[in-house]
Amino acid sequence: MDIVAKITMVASVIFMGFNASQFVASYATLCEKAHVVRNLARESDFEEIDLRRTNIVPSLLLSVAYVVLVFFSGLVPWIAAVIAFKLAFSLIFSDRELCMVIRGEKFKRTYFWLDKVDSFLNISIGLLVALFLVL
C-alpha cells in the first residue's frame, strides 16, 4: 500500500469518527448546540456571510482534500466523483442549517432526520473507502 492510500485510510477513519459523533447526537443536543451558536453569532460583530464563510471554506477545503486523496489512492475515478457529489450535498445542507440557526429559525425535526441520514451516508462512504483500500 502506497503512502497516499495510507493517508486516505487515516482520513477515512477520521471522517467516519466525526460523522459518527454527529450521528449519535440527540435532537436536544443539536438544539442546544444551535442555541450556543446563535448566541455567539449575536454577540459577535460578524455578519451572516462571514459566519457562513467560516463554515464553508474549511469544510470545502477538507472535502476537496479528501476527494483528491481518494482519487490518487488507486481507486476507480468514478468513486471519487460520487464522493465529491455527496460531499457537495453535505456542504449545501450544512450551510442551510447554519443559516437557519443564525436567523433564529427553529431547528426542525425534518432537518434533524436529514442530518442523521447525511451522517450515516458519510460514515458509509468512509467505511467503504477504507474497505476498498484494504481489499
Protein backbone atom coordinates (compact mmCIF):
# COMPACT_ATOMS: atom_id res chain seq x y z
CA MET A 1 0.00 0.00 0.00
CA ASP A 2 1.50 3.35 -1.03
CA ILE A 3 1.66 6.49 1.11
CA VAL A 4 -1.40 8.16 -0.50
CA ALA A 5 -3.52 5.10 0.22
CA LYS A 6 -2.33 5.09 3.84
CA ILE A 7 -3.14 8.78 4.26
CA THR A 8 -6.54 8.16 2.65
CA MET A 9 -7.14 5.33 5.09
CA VAL A 10 -6.39 7.60 8.07
CA ALA A 11 -8.55 10.36 6.60
CA SER A 12 -11.41 7.89 6.12
CA VAL A 13 -11.24 6.78 9.75
CA ILE A 14 -11.26 10.41 10.94
CA PHE A 15 -14.14 11.15 8.55
CA MET A 16 -16.10 8.19 9.95
CA GLY A 17 -15.41 9.22 13.55
CA PHE A 18 -16.53 12.81 13.06
CA ASN A 19 -19.73 11.72 11.34
CA ALA A 20 -20.39 9.03 13.94
CA SER A 21 -20.35 11.70 16.65
CA GLN A 22 -22.94 13.66 14.66
CA PHE A 23 -24.99 10.53 14.02
CA VAL A 24 -25.36 9.66 17.71
CA ALA A 25 -26.20 13.21 18.83
CA SER A 26 -29.74 13.63 20.10
CA TYR A 27 -32.26 16.24 18.98
CA ALA A 28 -31.84 18.04 22.32
CA THR A 29 -28.06 18.14 21.88
CA LEU A 30 -28.37 19.60 18.38
CA CYS A 31 -30.88 22.22 19.59
CA GLU A 32 -28.54 23.12 22.45
CA LYS A 33 -25.59 23.49 20.07
CA ALA A 34 -27.73 25.60 17.74
CA HIS A 35 -28.65 27.85 20.67
CA VAL A 36 -24.98 28.29 21.61
CA VAL A 37 -24.02 29.14 18.01
CA ARG A 38 -26.93 31.58 17.74
CA ASN A 39 -25.86 33.35 20.95
CA LEU A 40 -22.24 33.56 19.79
CA ALA A 41 -23.38 34.96 16.45
CA ARG A 42 -25.44 37.64 18.20
CA GLU A 43 -22.57 38.60 20.49
CA SER A 44 -20.01 38.85 17.70
CA ASP A 45 -19.59 41.62 15.19
CA PHE A 46 -19.65 39.21 12.26
CA GLU A 47 -22.24 39.38 9.52
CA GLU A 48 -24.13 36.29 8.42
CA ILE A 49 -21.96 35.93 5.31
CA ASP A 50 -18.81 35.94 7.44
CA LEU A 51 -20.16 33.16 9.65
CA ARG A 52 -21.22 31.17 6.63
CA ARG A 53 -17.78 31.62 5.09
CA THR A 54 -16.10 30.29 8.25
CA ASN A 55 -18.26 27.18 7.87
CA ILE A 56 -17.98 26.69 4.12
CA VAL A 57 -14.30 27.41 3.43
CA PRO A 58 -12.72 24.87 5.85
CA SER A 59 -15.38 22.27 5.02
CA LEU A 60 -14.84 22.77 1.31
CA LEU A 61 -11.05 22.54 1.63
CA LEU A 62 -11.29 19.34 3.69
CA SER A 63 -13.80 17.85 1.25
CA VAL A 64 -11.63 18.64 -1.77
CA ALA A 65 -8.57 17.24 0.01
CA TYR A 66 -10.43 14.02 0.80
CA VAL A 67 -11.69 13.63 -2.79
CA VAL A 68 -8.17 14.25 -4.13
CA LEU A 69 -6.77 11.64 -1.74
CA VAL A 70 -9.41 9.12 -2.82
CA PHE A 71 -8.73 9.88 -6.49
CA PHE A 72 -4.97 9.38 -6.16
CA SER A 73 -5.18 6.39 -3.83
CA GLY A 74 -5.71 3.98 -6.70
CA LEU A 75 -9.48 3.59 -6.53
CA VAL A 76 -11.66 3.83 -9.61
CA PRO A 77 -12.14 7.52 -10.56
CA TRP A 78 -15.94 7.36 -10.51
CA ILE A 79 -15.77 6.61 -6.77
CA ALA A 80 -14.09 9.97 -6.23
CA ALA A 81 -16.79 11.62 -8.36
CA VAL A 82 -19.60 10.04 -6.31
CA ILE A 83 -17.88 11.14 -3.08
CA ALA A 84 -17.45 14.67 -4.45
CA PHE A 85 -21.15 14.84 -5.29
CA LYS A 86 -22.15 13.53 -1.85
CA LEU A 87 -19.83 15.94 -0.03
CA ALA A 88 -21.18 18.84 -2.10
CA PHE A 89 -24.67 17.93 -0.90
CA SER A 90 -23.37 17.81 2.69
CA LEU A 91 -21.86 21.29 2.30
CA ILE A 92 -25.11 22.74 0.94
CA PHE A 93 -27.10 21.07 3.70
CA SER A 94 -24.68 22.31 6.37
CA ASP A 95 -24.89 25.85 5.03
CA ARG A 96 -28.70 25.72 5.08
CA GLU A 97 -28.67 24.52 8.69
CA LEU A 98 -26.27 27.29 9.70
CA CYS A 99 -28.49 29.90 8.04
CA MET A 100 -31.48 28.58 10.00
CA VAL A 101 -29.54 28.78 13.25
CA ILE A 102 -28.17 32.28 12.61
CA ARG A 103 -31.59 33.62 11.65
CA GLY A 104 -33.16 32.16 14.78
CA GLU A 105 -35.40 29.70 12.98
CA LYS A 106 -36.45 26.64 14.94
CA PHE A 107 -34.36 23.54 14.21
CA LYS A 108 -37.00 21.33 12.59
CA ARG A 109 -37.19 17.61 13.19
CA THR A 110 -37.08 17.12 9.42
CA TYR A 111 -33.61 18.64 9.34
CA PHE A 112 -32.65 16.53 12.34
CA TRP A 113 -33.51 13.35 10.44
CA LEU A 114 -31.87 14.61 7.25
CA ASP A 115 -28.77 15.29 9.34
CA LYS A 116 -28.88 11.68 10.58
CA VAL A 117 -29.17 10.32 7.03
CA ASP A 118 -26.36 12.61 5.85
CA SER A 119 -24.11 11.47 8.71
CA PHE A 120 -24.94 7.81 8.08
CA LEU A 121 -24.11 8.14 4.38
CA ASN A 122 -20.82 9.87 5.23
CA ILE A 123 -19.96 7.08 7.69
CA SER A 124 -20.74 4.56 4.94
CA ILE A 125 -18.50 6.39 2.47
CA GLY A 126 -15.60 6.44 4.92
CA LEU A 127 -16.06 2.76 5.72
CA LEU A 128 -16.35 1.71 2.08
CA VAL A 129 -13.26 3.70 1.05
CA ALA A 130 -11.28 2.14 3.89
CA LEU A 131 -12.50 -1.35 2.93
CA PHE A 132 -11.73 -0.80 -0.76
CA LEU A 133 -8.21 0.26 0.14
CA VAL A 134 -7.63 -2.79 2.33
CA LEU A 135 -9.13 -5.25 -0.11
